[in-house]
Protein backbone atom coordinates (compact mmCIF):
# COMPACT_ATOMS: atom_id res chain seq x y z
CA MET A 1 76.69 51.11 133.90
CA PRO A 2 77.61 48.03 131.88
CA ARG A 3 80.76 47.73 129.83
CA SER A 4 79.17 48.71 126.55
CA LEU A 5 75.83 49.57 125.01
CA ARG A 6 75.50 45.98 123.95
CA ILE A 7 75.10 44.93 127.59
CA ALA A 8 71.90 44.70 129.59
CA GLY A 9 71.20 48.19 130.90
CA ALA A 10 71.76 50.05 127.67
CA TRP A 11 70.03 47.71 125.26
CA ALA A 12 66.92 47.60 127.45
CA ALA A 13 65.96 50.87 125.78
CA VAL A 14 67.09 50.08 122.25
CA LEU A 15 64.29 49.94 119.69
CA ALA A 16 64.35 51.36 116.20
CA LEU A 17 62.66 54.67 115.36
CA GLY A 18 64.60 55.35 112.15
CA LEU A 19 67.01 58.08 111.24
CA THR A 20 66.76 61.68 112.35
CA GLY A 21 69.31 64.22 111.35
CA CYS A 22 71.25 67.40 111.90
CA GLN A 23 69.12 70.22 113.19
CA THR A 24 70.17 72.91 110.76
CA SER A 25 67.93 74.60 108.24
CA ASP A 26 69.16 74.39 104.68
CA GLY A 27 66.67 76.83 103.21
CA SER A 28 64.99 74.23 101.01
CA GLY A 29 61.75 73.64 102.84
CA GLY A 30 62.61 71.96 106.13
CA THR A 31 65.30 71.23 108.66
CA GLY A 32 67.84 68.46 108.24
CA ALA A 33 65.96 66.51 110.91
CA GLU A 34 62.67 66.66 109.05
CA LYS A 35 64.30 65.41 105.86
CA ALA A 36 66.04 62.60 107.69
CA GLN A 37 62.76 61.61 109.33
CA ALA A 38 61.17 61.45 105.89
CA LYS A 39 63.92 59.09 104.78
CA ALA A 40 63.21 56.95 107.83
CA ALA A 41 59.89 55.98 106.24
CA ALA A 42 61.86 53.65 103.99
CA PRO A 43 61.64 49.99 105.07
CA ASP A 44 64.19 48.85 107.65
CA ARG A 45 65.40 45.72 105.91
CA VAL A 46 68.55 43.66 105.61
CA GLU A 47 69.83 42.60 102.18
CA PRO A 48 70.41 38.84 101.97
CA LEU A 49 72.95 37.46 99.55
CA THR A 50 71.48 36.56 96.18
CA THR A 51 73.24 33.19 96.15
CA ARG A 52 71.53 30.46 98.12
CA PRO A 53 73.62 29.16 101.04
CA ALA A 54 74.44 25.45 101.10
CA PRO A 55 75.38 24.40 104.65
CA ALA A 56 78.22 21.88 104.85
CA LEU A 57 77.44 20.04 108.07
CA PRO A 58 78.44 18.96 110.61
CA ALA A 59 80.52 22.02 111.47
CA THR A 60 82.72 22.00 114.56
CA VAL A 61 83.91 25.29 116.08
CA THR A 62 85.38 26.53 119.35
CA SER A 63 82.94 28.78 121.16
CA ALA A 64 84.22 32.04 122.68
CA ASP A 65 83.55 30.57 126.12
CA GLY A 66 85.91 27.68 125.43
CA HIS A 67 83.44 24.94 124.52
CA GLU A 68 83.92 22.86 121.38
CA VAL A 69 80.56 22.81 119.61
CA THR A 70 79.40 20.64 116.71
CA VAL A 71 76.47 21.95 114.68
CA ARG A 72 74.66 19.22 112.74
CA ASP A 73 71.40 20.94 111.82
CA THR A 74 70.63 24.57 110.99
CA SER A 75 66.93 24.17 110.25
CA ARG A 76 65.86 26.02 113.44
CA ILE A 77 68.29 28.79 114.39
CA VAL A 78 67.90 31.02 117.45
CA PRO A 79 70.26 34.06 117.46
CA LEU A 80 70.20 35.71 120.89
CA THR A 81 71.33 39.19 119.79
CA GLY A 82 70.09 41.55 117.13
CA SER A 83 73.48 41.74 115.44
CA LEU A 84 73.75 37.95 115.16
CA ASN A 85 70.22 37.80 113.78
CA GLU A 86 71.18 40.37 111.17
CA ILE A 87 74.18 38.33 110.05
CA VAL A 88 72.19 35.08 109.82
CA PHE A 89 69.48 36.72 107.73
CA THR A 90 72.01 38.43 105.47
CA LEU A 91 73.82 35.13 104.89
CA GLY A 92 70.54 33.93 103.39
CA LEU A 93 69.40 31.72 106.27
CA GLY A 94 66.52 33.90 107.41
CA LYS A 95 63.90 31.22 106.72
CA ASN A 96 65.66 29.01 109.26
CA VAL A 97 65.48 31.59 112.08
CA VAL A 98 62.71 30.90 114.60
CA ALA A 99 63.24 33.64 117.23
CA ARG A 100 64.81 37.03 117.80
CA ASP A 101 66.24 39.38 120.36
CA ILE A 102 64.31 42.59 120.97
CA THR A 103 67.11 44.52 119.21
CA ALA A 104 66.53 42.67 115.92
CA THR A 105 64.45 45.53 114.55
CA PHE A 106 64.63 44.94 110.80
CA ASP A 107 61.45 44.08 108.93
CA GLN A 108 62.22 40.47 108.02
CA ALA A 109 62.54 39.52 111.70
CA GLU A 110 59.59 41.57 112.96
CA LYS A 111 57.10 38.71 113.36
CA LEU A 112 59.47 36.31 115.12
CA PRO A 113 58.88 35.63 118.83
CA VAL A 114 61.13 37.60 121.19
CA VAL A 115 63.18 35.37 123.52
CA THR A 116 65.84 37.83 124.67
CA ARG A 117 65.56 41.35 126.08
CA ALA A 118 68.62 43.43 126.94
CA HIS A 119 70.77 40.30 126.69
CA ASP A 120 68.59 38.64 129.32
CA VAL A 121 67.57 35.35 127.73
CA SER A 122 64.55 33.25 128.64
CA ALA A 123 65.82 29.67 128.47
CA GLU A 124 62.30 28.29 128.65
CA SER A 125 61.18 30.37 125.67
CA VAL A 126 64.21 29.31 123.66
CA LEU A 127 63.79 25.61 124.40
CA SER A 128 60.05 25.73 123.63
CA LEU A 129 60.95 26.57 120.02
CA ARG A 130 62.94 23.32 119.59
CA PRO A 131 66.09 25.01 118.23
CA THR A 132 68.72 22.98 116.43
CA VAL A 133 71.39 25.61 117.14
CA VAL A 134 71.56 28.70 119.36
CA LEU A 135 73.90 31.65 118.76
CA ALA A 136 74.89 33.97 121.62
CA ASP A 137 77.68 36.34 122.54
CA THR A 138 79.70 36.82 125.69
CA THR A 139 77.29 39.46 127.01
CA THR A 140 74.29 37.10 126.86
CA GLY A 141 72.97 36.05 130.24
CA PRO A 142 72.16 35.10 132.83
CA ALA A 143 74.75 32.34 132.92
CA GLU A 144 72.17 29.95 134.37
CA ALA A 145 69.98 30.37 131.29
CA VAL A 146 72.87 29.77 128.93
CA ASP A 147 73.84 26.64 130.89
CA GLN A 148 70.24 25.44 130.84
CA ILE A 149 70.13 25.63 127.04
CA ARG A 150 73.44 23.83 126.70
CA ASP A 151 72.51 21.19 129.28
CA ALA A 152 69.40 20.42 127.22
CA GLY A 153 71.73 19.18 124.50
CA ILE A 154 71.28 22.15 122.15
CA PRO A 155 74.46 23.20 120.30
CA LEU A 156 75.15 26.72 121.60
CA VAL A 157 77.90 28.82 120.04
CA VAL A 158 79.13 31.94 121.84
CA PHE A 159 80.85 34.76 119.92
CA ASP A 160 82.86 37.75 121.07
CA PRO A 161 80.89 40.97 120.49
CA ALA A 162 82.02 43.30 117.73
CA LYS A 163 83.44 46.55 119.12
CA GLY A 164 84.73 48.30 116.01
CA LEU A 165 85.11 48.25 112.23
CA GLY A 166 87.98 45.80 112.49
CA ASP A 167 85.62 43.23 114.00
CA VAL A 168 83.08 43.24 111.15
CA SER A 169 84.70 40.69 108.85
CA PRO A 170 85.94 38.26 111.56
CA ARG A 171 82.48 38.19 113.15
CA ILE A 172 80.70 37.46 109.86
CA ALA A 173 83.24 34.72 109.11
CA ALA A 174 82.84 33.19 112.58
CA VAL A 175 79.05 33.00 112.32
CA ALA A 176 79.22 31.58 108.81
CA LYS A 177 81.70 28.91 109.90
CA ALA A 178 79.50 27.83 112.82
CA LEU A 179 76.54 27.43 110.46
CA GLY A 180 78.53 25.56 107.83
CA VAL A 181 78.25 28.27 105.17
CA GLU A 182 81.83 29.50 104.95
CA LYS A 183 81.51 30.18 101.22
CA SER A 184 78.57 32.49 101.85
CA GLY A 185 80.50 34.06 104.70
CA ALA A 186 83.39 34.86 102.39
CA GLU A 187 80.98 36.37 99.86
CA LEU A 188 79.26 38.51 102.48
CA THR A 189 82.58 39.60 103.96
CA LYS A 190 83.80 40.70 100.54
CA ARG A 191 80.58 42.60 99.84
CA THR A 192 80.59 44.30 103.23
CA GLU A 193 84.25 45.32 103.02
CA ARG A 194 83.73 46.69 99.50
CA ARG A 195 80.77 48.79 100.58
CA ILE A 196 82.49 50.18 103.66
CA ALA A 197 85.54 51.05 101.54
CA ALA A 198 83.33 52.87 99.03
CA VAL A 199 81.83 55.04 101.78
CA ARG A 200 85.24 55.81 103.24
CA GLU A 201 86.51 56.96 99.85
CA ASP A 202 83.81 59.64 99.80
CA ILE A 203 84.57 61.07 103.25
CA PRO A 204 85.75 64.69 103.25
CA ALA A 205 89.50 64.78 103.80
CA GLY A 206 90.67 68.27 102.97
CA LYS A 207 94.31 68.92 103.77
CA GLY A 208 94.64 70.79 107.02
CA ALA A 209 90.90 70.72 107.59
CA LYS A 210 89.86 70.62 111.21
CA LYS A 211 88.30 67.31 112.16
CA PRO A 212 84.88 67.74 113.77
CA ARG A 213 84.71 66.75 117.43
CA VAL A 214 81.71 64.49 118.02
CA ALA A 215 80.36 63.42 121.41
CA PHE A 216 78.33 60.22 121.64
CA LEU A 217 75.51 60.58 124.16
CA TYR A 218 73.37 57.74 125.50
CA LEU A 219 69.95 59.00 126.54
CA ARG A 220 67.02 57.43 128.37
CA GLY A 221 64.82 60.35 129.24
CA SER A 222 62.12 58.22 130.88
CA ALA A 223 64.71 56.94 133.37
CA SER A 224 66.63 60.24 133.63
CA VAL A 225 69.77 58.54 132.29
CA TYR A 226 72.11 60.89 130.43
CA LEU A 227 75.58 59.53 129.65
CA LEU A 228 78.63 60.72 127.72
CA GLY A 229 80.51 58.07 125.80
CA GLY A 230 84.22 57.53 126.40
CA ARG A 231 86.95 55.35 124.94
CA ALA A 232 85.02 52.09 125.41
CA SER A 233 81.55 53.28 124.31
CA GLY A 234 81.74 51.43 121.01
CA ALA A 235 81.33 54.53 118.86
CA SER A 236 84.98 55.60 118.52
CA SER A 237 85.71 53.36 115.54
CA LEU A 238 82.80 54.76 113.54
CA LEU A 239 83.57 58.36 114.40
CA GLU A 240 87.22 58.01 113.48
CA ALA A 241 86.34 56.23 110.23
CA ALA A 242 84.10 59.20 109.41
CA GLY A 243 87.05 61.54 109.78
CA ALA A 244 85.88 62.85 113.14
CA VAL A 245 87.34 62.95 116.65
CA ASP A 246 85.57 61.11 119.47
CA ALA A 247 85.22 64.09 121.80
CA GLY A 248 84.60 61.98 124.91
CA LYS A 249 87.61 59.76 124.27
CA GLU A 250 89.79 62.76 123.37
CA SER A 251 88.81 64.55 126.58
CA GLY A 252 90.26 61.68 128.61
CA LEU A 253 87.22 59.51 129.38
CA LYS A 254 88.63 55.98 129.43
CA LYS A 255 85.50 54.09 130.52
CA ASP A 256 82.45 53.29 128.45
CA PHE A 257 80.14 55.99 129.78
CA THR A 258 80.19 58.80 132.32
CA ALA A 259 77.24 60.76 133.66
CA ILE A 260 76.79 63.97 131.71
CA THR A 261 77.84 67.11 133.56
CA SER A 262 78.31 70.64 132.34
CA GLU A 263 82.01 70.33 133.17
CA ALA A 264 82.45 67.08 131.21
CA LEU A 265 80.69 68.49 128.17
CA ALA A 266 82.67 71.72 128.33
CA LYS A 267 85.89 69.70 128.34
CA ALA A 268 84.73 67.53 125.45
CA ALA A 269 83.61 70.65 123.52
CA PRO A 270 81.85 68.74 120.73
CA ASP A 271 81.12 70.35 117.38
CA ALA A 272 78.37 67.75 116.88
CA ILE A 273 76.51 65.26 119.05
CA LEU A 274 75.74 61.67 118.04
CA VAL A 275 72.70 59.99 119.57
CA MET A 276 70.50 56.97 118.96
CA SER A 277 67.12 57.89 117.48
CA LYS A 278 65.20 56.21 120.31
CA GLY A 279 67.27 58.12 122.84
CA LEU A 280 66.61 61.41 121.10
CA ALA A 281 62.89 60.68 121.09
CA SER A 282 63.02 59.85 124.79
CA VAL A 283 64.04 63.44 125.59
CA ASP A 284 61.45 64.93 123.22
CA GLY A 285 63.79 65.64 120.36
CA VAL A 286 66.47 68.28 119.93
CA ASP A 287 64.66 70.90 122.01
CA GLY A 288 64.58 68.45 124.91
CA LEU A 289 68.20 67.45 124.40
CA LEU A 290 69.24 71.09 124.68
CA LYS A 291 67.69 71.17 128.15
CA VAL A 292 70.11 68.50 129.40
CA PRO A 293 72.64 70.42 131.57
CA GLY A 294 75.60 71.61 129.56
CA VAL A 295 74.40 70.57 126.09
CA ALA A 296 73.11 73.96 124.97
CA GLU A 297 76.43 75.62 125.83
CA THR A 298 78.55 73.31 123.63
CA PRO A 299 79.41 74.29 120.04
CA ALA A 300 77.12 71.44 118.95
CA GLY A 301 74.26 72.77 121.07
CA LEU A 302 74.70 76.33 119.90
CA ASP A 303 74.55 75.13 116.26
CA ARG A 304 71.85 72.51 116.95
CA ARG A 305 74.15 70.06 115.19
CA ILE A 306 72.73 66.69 116.16
CA VAL A 307 73.36 63.40 114.33
CA SER A 308 70.85 60.64 115.02
CA ILE A 309 71.11 57.02 113.84
CA ASP A 310 68.79 54.05 114.24
CA ASP A 311 69.31 52.18 117.50
CA GLY A 312 69.06 48.80 115.78
CA VAL A 313 72.16 49.28 113.62
CA LEU A 314 74.42 51.96 115.11
CA LEU A 315 76.78 49.67 117.05
CA ASN A 316 76.10 46.34 115.34
CA TYR A 317 79.31 46.35 113.28
CA GLY A 318 77.89 43.94 110.75
CA PRO A 319 76.57 43.74 107.17
CA ARG A 320 74.87 47.16 107.36
CA THR A 321 77.76 49.09 108.87
CA ASP A 322 78.38 50.79 105.52
CA GLN A 323 74.87 52.30 105.79
CA VAL A 324 75.58 53.47 109.34
CA LEU A 325 78.85 55.07 108.26
CA LYS A 326 77.22 56.72 105.25
CA SER A 327 74.42 58.15 107.38
CA LEU A 328 76.95 59.45 109.88
CA VAL A 329 79.01 61.09 107.13
CA ASP A 330 75.99 62.54 105.33
CA GLN A 331 74.57 64.08 108.49
CA LEU A 332 77.90 65.24 109.84
CA TYR A 333 79.13 66.99 106.72
CA GLY A 334 75.92 67.65 104.79
CA ASP A 335 76.45 69.73 101.69
CA GLY A 336 80.00 70.41 102.80
CA LYS A 337 81.27 67.15 101.35
């Protein structure tokens, strides 16, 4: 399995289905899941800055792969990952974007042509769109395609992927600098940090209260792929920010993912399970998830305590991370906040 969910194998299955929630009845006319699904009917949109960006070009930056790149024109931008697309749109440059990765699931990007799937880029498709700048990250491949784009004379900037909350602001700033809109980048960074801080202030933090143990599961029912996240899954930062314990990491799993076994789940002993909404749908919902060996016997399985978050935003660590954290907190603690 690849190093993280942002790499080819995992993201092949990532498409947005919206939020689903904890599977506990609250006595008010429906389960938590049904209410969360109702909320998912709300548009999946990013929120661009209200101030219009004014690119100061040319902009010269050092790409994560060591190349010095000069960007002279941002009129036709091709971001090769969903998270980069989200940042560009939120900076206010959405009208300049001419393509998307399959993981760019938000409404504003929906009609753009797809040129990248599971970090597997089609160089021919990219070049056919006459881009003036291409944005990628270190997981984008194959290397031959990346080289082909660069050899065609297109400025191509590579970024390190975001792996935790601490990467949110540096990543926004890096993208903004490459596009010559550092002022907008500073504004978006400030807004994002303020919103994340506001969510964190509202997280339950009772003295002596037991932190919930949460296991992050990656599911692809159609391919019979059932994985338990460990230290490098990408979810630890969110779980810890929400006042929870990453059960996979805490049980000693140092890699990104490990095949789910009854023994591994028993050792992790999660009080709740975090999944992507597409993954949950792929196993036919909570009832299907409980049929995965070992899940039903965990405290989370016994309580049907399942937290589900949209695939397109869960691990982006970008301008909408405050929404991800809030959804995680709301579903995890419910009325107990």
